[in-house]
Amino acid sequence: MKKNYIAFFAFLVCLLYISWLEEGWKGLFLLFLKGVVIFITIYGVVFVMVWSIMKLVVFFKRRL
């Protein structure tokens, strides 16, 4: 399991280095902003899916 964390951390460092080489400090900020937007979007979609599945389960339990 720890090897996965090390590989993920190395991947993030490579991404940061590449974006810094291309854009300087602006690239780091844009990469961070993209990451935050993607994280919020995925979190929102997963939250809506779990919430709707829970509502469906409660609905079907009441009908049976």
C-alpha atoms as a PDB file:
ATOM      1  CA  MET A   1       0.000   0.000   0.000  1.00  0.00           C
ATOM      2  CA  LYS A   2       2.832   2.410   0.780  1.00  0.00           C
ATOM      3  CA  LYS A   3       4.303   1.909  -2.694  1.00  0.00           C
ATOM      4  CA  ASN A   4       1.099   3.335  -4.157  1.00  0.00           C
ATOM      5  CA  TYR A   5       1.455   6.463  -2.029  1.00  0.00           C
ATOM      6  CA  ILE A   6       5.095   6.869  -3.045  1.00  0.00           C
ATOM      7  CA  ALA A   7       4.243   6.477  -6.734  1.00  0.00           C
ATOM      8  CA  PHE A   8       1.346   8.943  -6.443  1.00  0.00           C
ATOM      9  CA  PHE A   9       3.546  11.471  -4.646  1.00  0.00           C
ATOM     10  CA  ALA A  10       6.254  11.106  -7.311  1.00  0.00           C
ATOM     11  CA  PHE A  11       3.625  11.619 -10.024  1.00  0.00           C
ATOM     12  CA  LEU A  12       2.397  14.803  -8.322  1.00  0.00           C
ATOM     13  CA  VAL A  13       5.952  16.121  -7.999  1.00  0.00           C
ATOM     14  CA  CYS A  14       6.563  15.451 -11.711  1.00  0.00           C
ATOM     15  CA  LEU A  15       3.332  17.269 -12.616  1.00  0.00           C
ATOM     16  CA  LEU A  16       4.286  20.250 -10.466  1.00  0.00           C
ATOM     17  CA  TYR A  17       7.780  20.373 -11.967  1.00  0.00           C
ATOM     18  CA  ILE A  18       6.503  20.171 -15.555  1.00  0.00           C
ATOM     19  CA  SER A  19       3.886  22.877 -14.979  1.00  0.00           C
ATOM     20  CA  TRP A  20       6.466  25.085 -13.254  1.00  0.00           C
ATOM     21  CA  LEU A  21       8.863  24.701 -16.208  1.00  0.00           C
ATOM     22  CA  GLU A  22       6.166  25.684 -18.697  1.00  0.00           C
ATOM     23  CA  GLU A  23       4.461  28.565 -16.918  1.00  0.00           C
ATOM     24  CA  GLY A  24       6.543  29.458 -13.879  1.00  0.00           C
ATOM     25  CA  TRP A  25       4.601  30.213 -10.698  1.00  0.00           C
ATOM     26  CA  LYS A  26       1.441  30.885 -12.714  1.00  0.00           C
ATOM     27  CA  GLY A  27       1.483  27.236 -13.843  1.00  0.00           C
ATOM     28  CA  LEU A  28       1.557  26.011 -10.245  1.00  0.00           C
ATOM     29  CA  PHE A  29      -1.406  28.199  -9.366  1.00  0.00           C
ATOM     30  CA  LEU A  30      -3.382  27.034 -12.422  1.00  0.00           C
ATOM     31  CA  LEU A  31      -2.610  23.383 -11.656  1.00  0.00           C
ATOM     32  CA  PHE A  32      -3.770  23.873  -8.052  1.00  0.00           C
ATOM     33  CA  LEU A  33      -6.935  25.629  -9.247  1.00  0.00           C
ATOM     34  CA  LYS A  34      -7.713  22.820 -11.706  1.00  0.00           C
ATOM     35  CA  GLY A  35      -7.178  20.253  -8.958  1.00  0.00           C
ATOM     36  CA  VAL A  36      -9.560  22.057  -6.605  1.00  0.00           C
ATOM     37  CA  VAL A  37     -12.243  22.375  -9.303  1.00  0.00           C
ATOM     38  CA  ILE A  38     -11.935  18.696 -10.279  1.00  0.00           C
ATOM     39  CA  PHE A  39     -12.024  17.614  -6.605  1.00  0.00           C
ATOM     40  CA  ILE A  40     -15.163  19.671  -5.877  1.00  0.00           C
ATOM     41  CA  THR A  41     -16.871  18.390  -9.040  1.00  0.00           C
ATOM     42  CA  ILE A  42     -16.120  14.732  -8.280  1.00  0.00           C
ATOM     43  CA  TYR A  43     -17.123  15.174  -4.626  1.00  0.00           C
ATOM     44  CA  GLY A  44     -20.426  16.771  -5.665  1.00  0.00           C
ATOM     45  CA  VAL A  45     -21.238  14.059  -8.216  1.00  0.00           C
ATOM     46  CA  VAL A  46     -20.453  11.248  -5.763  1.00  0.00           C
ATOM     47  CA  PHE A  47     -22.477  12.973  -3.029  1.00  0.00           C
ATOM     48  CA  VAL A  48     -25.510  13.329  -5.315  1.00  0.00           C
ATOM     49  CA  MET A  49     -25.227   9.691  -6.448  1.00  0.00           C
ATOM     50  CA  VAL A  50     -24.984   8.322  -2.893  1.00  0.00           C
ATOM     51  CA  TRP A  51     -27.811  10.564  -1.684  1.00  0.00           C
ATOM     52  CA  SER A  52     -30.120   9.510  -4.537  1.00  0.00           C
ATOM     53  CA  ILE A  53     -29.324   5.807  -4.032  1.00  0.00           C
ATOM     54  CA  MET A  54     -30.124   6.146  -0.322  1.00  0.00           C
ATOM     55  CA  LYS A  55     -33.427   7.851  -1.162  1.00  0.00           C
ATOM     56  CA  LEU A  56     -34.300   5.061  -3.627  1.00  0.00           C
ATOM     57  CA  VAL A  57     -33.501   2.390  -1.037  1.00  0.00           C
ATOM     58  CA  VAL A  58     -35.736   4.079   1.539  1.00  0.00           C
ATOM     59  CA  PHE A  59     -38.487   4.467  -1.080  1.00  0.00           C
ATOM     60  CA  PHE A  60     -38.386   0.782  -2.074  1.00  0.00           C
ATOM     61  CA  LYS A  61     -38.250  -0.379   1.565  1.00  0.00           C
ATOM     62  CA  ARG A  62     -41.449   1.536   2.302  1.00  0.00           C
ATOM     63  CA  ARG A  63     -43.236   0.077  -0.715  1.00  0.00           C
ATOM     64  CA  LEU A  64     -42.436  -3.539   0.149  1.00  0.00           C
END
